[in-house]
Amino acid sequence: MDLTRIAFLILLGCVGLERVVELQVSRRHQRDLASCGARKHGDPQYCWMVALHAGVLIGAALEVTLLHRPFIALLAFPALALFALATLLRWWVIRTLGIHWNTEVMESAPLGVVSEGPFRWIRHPNYLGVFIELIALPLIHTAWITAAFAAAGNVLVLRNRLRIEERLLDAVPTYRAAMSGKPRFFPRIF
């Protein structure tokens, strides 16, 4: 196995470990939110979201290894830069949201609405970061099939998640006042 494949598999392992850390942070935030009176709302698609994230890591590893995907520097370096920027965006979101951030749907807006950080410009910067990550990560080593499935799967999973989440958020007048004019994913330039 060549050095680029080994490096890519190590990167995938590191991302997997990062996801485990995120789940631990999420569980801690859920406990803290519950102690403040926030309720968790069921999302029947949550298991698919978890499966999608695991599937991208496993799929990219298998595609690169079994299909002998080449390392193409002209694709790899921009994909790596996009992945790194998307990861930084997500950790900015996690830091900005503080206790409000978790991987499941919790009714935390009544405890306060976060409108600073990346939320100054868009309502769902975390989902934008995740979307970019799930596509860019496989493309670092030309795993284009995994990237295509990641994009399609993420659209399906987020469609349901956003419907549940935005229904809860829009029921909170302070959220509507702070976020009603902001786009979901892409900031307005003018």
Foldseek 3Di string as FASTA:
>chain_A
DDPVLVVLLVVLVVVVVVVVVQQVQQVVLVVVLVVVPKAFDDDPCLVLVVVLSVCLSVLLNCCCPVVVQAQDPVQQVVLVVLLVVLVVQLVQVCVQCPSNDHSGAILCCVVDDGCDDVNVFAPASNLLSQLSNSQSSSRNRDSNVSNVCSNVSSVVSVVRVCVVRVVSQVVDVVSCVRHVVHHHHDGDPD
